[in-house]
Protein backbone atom coordinates (compact mmCIF):
# COMPACT_ATOMS: atom_id res chain seq x y z
CA MET A 1 118.81 208.96 -38.82
CA PRO A 2 120.60 207.96 -42.03
CA VAL A 3 119.92 209.83 -45.24
CA PHE A 4 118.52 207.72 -48.06
CA ILE A 5 118.45 208.50 -51.75
CA SER A 6 114.93 209.06 -52.89
CA SER A 7 113.51 206.12 -54.78
CA ALA A 8 112.71 208.32 -57.81
CA PHE A 9 116.35 209.39 -58.22
CA ALA A 10 117.65 205.84 -57.68
CA GLN A 11 115.40 204.49 -60.43
CA THR A 12 116.58 207.02 -63.06
CA ALA A 13 120.30 206.70 -62.35
CA PRO A 14 120.91 203.47 -64.36
CA ALA A 15 119.00 204.85 -67.35
CA ALA A 16 121.16 207.98 -67.41
CA ALA A 17 124.36 205.95 -67.12
CA ALA A 18 123.40 203.60 -69.98
CA GLY A 19 124.03 206.29 -72.60
CA GLY A 20 127.61 206.82 -71.42
CA ASP A 21 128.21 203.11 -70.89
CA MET A 22 129.45 202.53 -74.45
CA MET A 23 131.89 205.43 -74.24
CA SER A 24 133.24 204.32 -70.86
CA SER A 25 133.86 200.78 -72.13
CA LEU A 26 135.79 202.14 -75.13
CA THR A 27 137.94 204.40 -72.97
CA SER A 28 138.64 201.55 -70.55
CA MET A 29 139.90 199.37 -73.46
CA LEU A 30 142.08 202.15 -74.91
CA PRO A 31 145.13 201.47 -72.66
CA LEU A 32 145.03 197.78 -73.57
CA VAL A 33 144.94 198.56 -77.28
CA LEU A 34 147.76 201.10 -76.92
CA MET A 35 149.89 198.57 -75.03
CA PHE A 36 149.41 196.01 -77.82
CA VAL A 37 150.38 198.56 -80.48
CA VAL A 38 153.54 199.51 -78.58
CA LEU A 39 154.37 195.83 -78.01
CA TYR A 40 154.00 195.16 -81.74
CA PHE A 41 156.35 197.96 -82.78
CA VAL A 42 158.90 197.40 -80.00
CA MET A 43 159.12 193.58 -79.89
CA ILE A 44 157.17 191.67 -82.53
CA ARG A 45 158.04 193.64 -85.67
CA PRO A 46 161.85 193.76 -85.08
CA GLN A 47 161.86 190.02 -84.30
CA MET A 48 160.03 189.25 -87.56
CA LYS A 49 162.51 191.41 -89.47
CA LYS A 50 165.45 189.60 -87.85
CA GLN A 51 163.97 186.18 -88.74
CA LYS A 52 163.46 187.28 -92.34
CA GLU A 53 167.10 188.43 -92.62
CA HIS A 54 168.34 185.14 -91.10
CA ARG A 55 166.22 183.10 -93.53
CA ALA A 56 167.61 185.11 -96.46
CA MET A 57 171.18 184.54 -95.22
CA ILE A 58 170.61 180.78 -94.93
CA ASP A 59 169.07 180.60 -98.41
CA ALA A 60 172.05 182.48 -99.86
CA LEU A 61 174.67 180.06 -98.47
CA ALA A 62 176.99 178.65 -101.11
CA LYS A 63 179.82 176.15 -101.26
CA GLY A 64 183.05 177.74 -100.03
CA ASP A 65 181.43 180.25 -97.64
CA GLU A 66 183.03 180.56 -94.23
CA VAL A 67 180.46 180.47 -91.45
CA ALA A 68 180.02 180.47 -87.68
CA THR A 69 177.42 178.16 -86.12
CA ALA A 70 175.27 178.61 -83.03
CA GLY A 71 177.54 176.14 -81.21
CA GLY A 72 180.58 178.30 -81.88
CA MET A 73 182.16 176.18 -84.63
CA LEU A 74 183.86 177.96 -87.49
CA GLY A 75 184.20 176.24 -90.82
CA LYS A 76 183.93 176.30 -94.57
CA VAL A 77 180.83 174.99 -96.33
CA SER A 78 181.81 171.94 -98.38
CA SER A 79 178.37 170.75 -99.53
CA LEU A 80 174.74 171.78 -99.18
CA SER A 81 171.47 169.90 -99.12
CA GLU A 82 167.89 170.95 -98.39
CA GLY A 83 168.09 171.19 -94.58
CA TYR A 84 171.68 170.21 -93.82
CA MET A 85 175.19 171.10 -94.91
CA SER A 86 178.67 169.70 -94.51
CA LEU A 87 181.06 171.99 -92.75
CA GLU A 88 184.82 171.50 -93.03
CA ILE A 89 186.19 172.53 -89.66
CA SER A 90 189.75 171.36 -90.27
CA SER A 91 191.68 169.84 -93.12
CA GLY A 92 189.95 166.52 -93.83
CA VAL A 93 187.44 166.88 -90.95
CA GLU A 94 183.84 167.46 -91.93
CA VAL A 95 180.74 167.64 -89.77
CA GLN A 96 177.12 167.70 -90.81
CA VAL A 97 175.02 170.52 -89.31
CA GLN A 98 171.59 171.97 -89.88
CA ARG A 99 171.52 175.01 -92.11
CA SER A 100 169.54 176.91 -89.48
CA ALA A 101 172.49 176.54 -87.05
CA VAL A 102 174.45 179.11 -89.06
CA ILE A 103 174.36 182.45 -87.28
CA GLN A 104 176.90 184.40 -89.31
CA VAL A 105 178.63 184.30 -92.68
CA LEU A 106 182.23 185.37 -92.18
CA PRO A 107 184.33 187.37 -94.65
CA LYS A 108 186.50 185.27 -96.98
CA GLY A 109 189.89 184.45 -95.49
CA THR A 110 188.80 184.65 -91.84
CA ILE A 111 189.53 180.98 -91.22
CA LYS A 112 193.09 179.89 -91.85
C-alpha cells in the first residue's frame, strides 16, 4: 500500500514555505542581476566611452586636417559644415562626405 503524507502535515507545508518565499525569489534573481552588471561593465560602458571619444574627434575637426574615412578614403579637409565636409582626395578633386564617416585623424604630412 502506498504511503501518504498526513493531511495535517500537507496543510502546514505551504504556510511554512511562505516565509522563505521572499528570500528564495531574491536569490533566484541574483544571477540575472549579476549578469546585467557584468554586461554593463564589459560591453555597454566601453562602447559609450568609444562613442564619446569619436564625437569629440568629429567636433574637433578643422580645415587642413588629414583624415581617413570609413570607406577607406584618405584626404585633407577643405571645408566644414554642420553635418558634412569637403574632402580633397587629390589635387583639384573634392568629395563631400558626412562628418561621422571620419574614423581617424592622421598626423600632418601623412598624405603626399
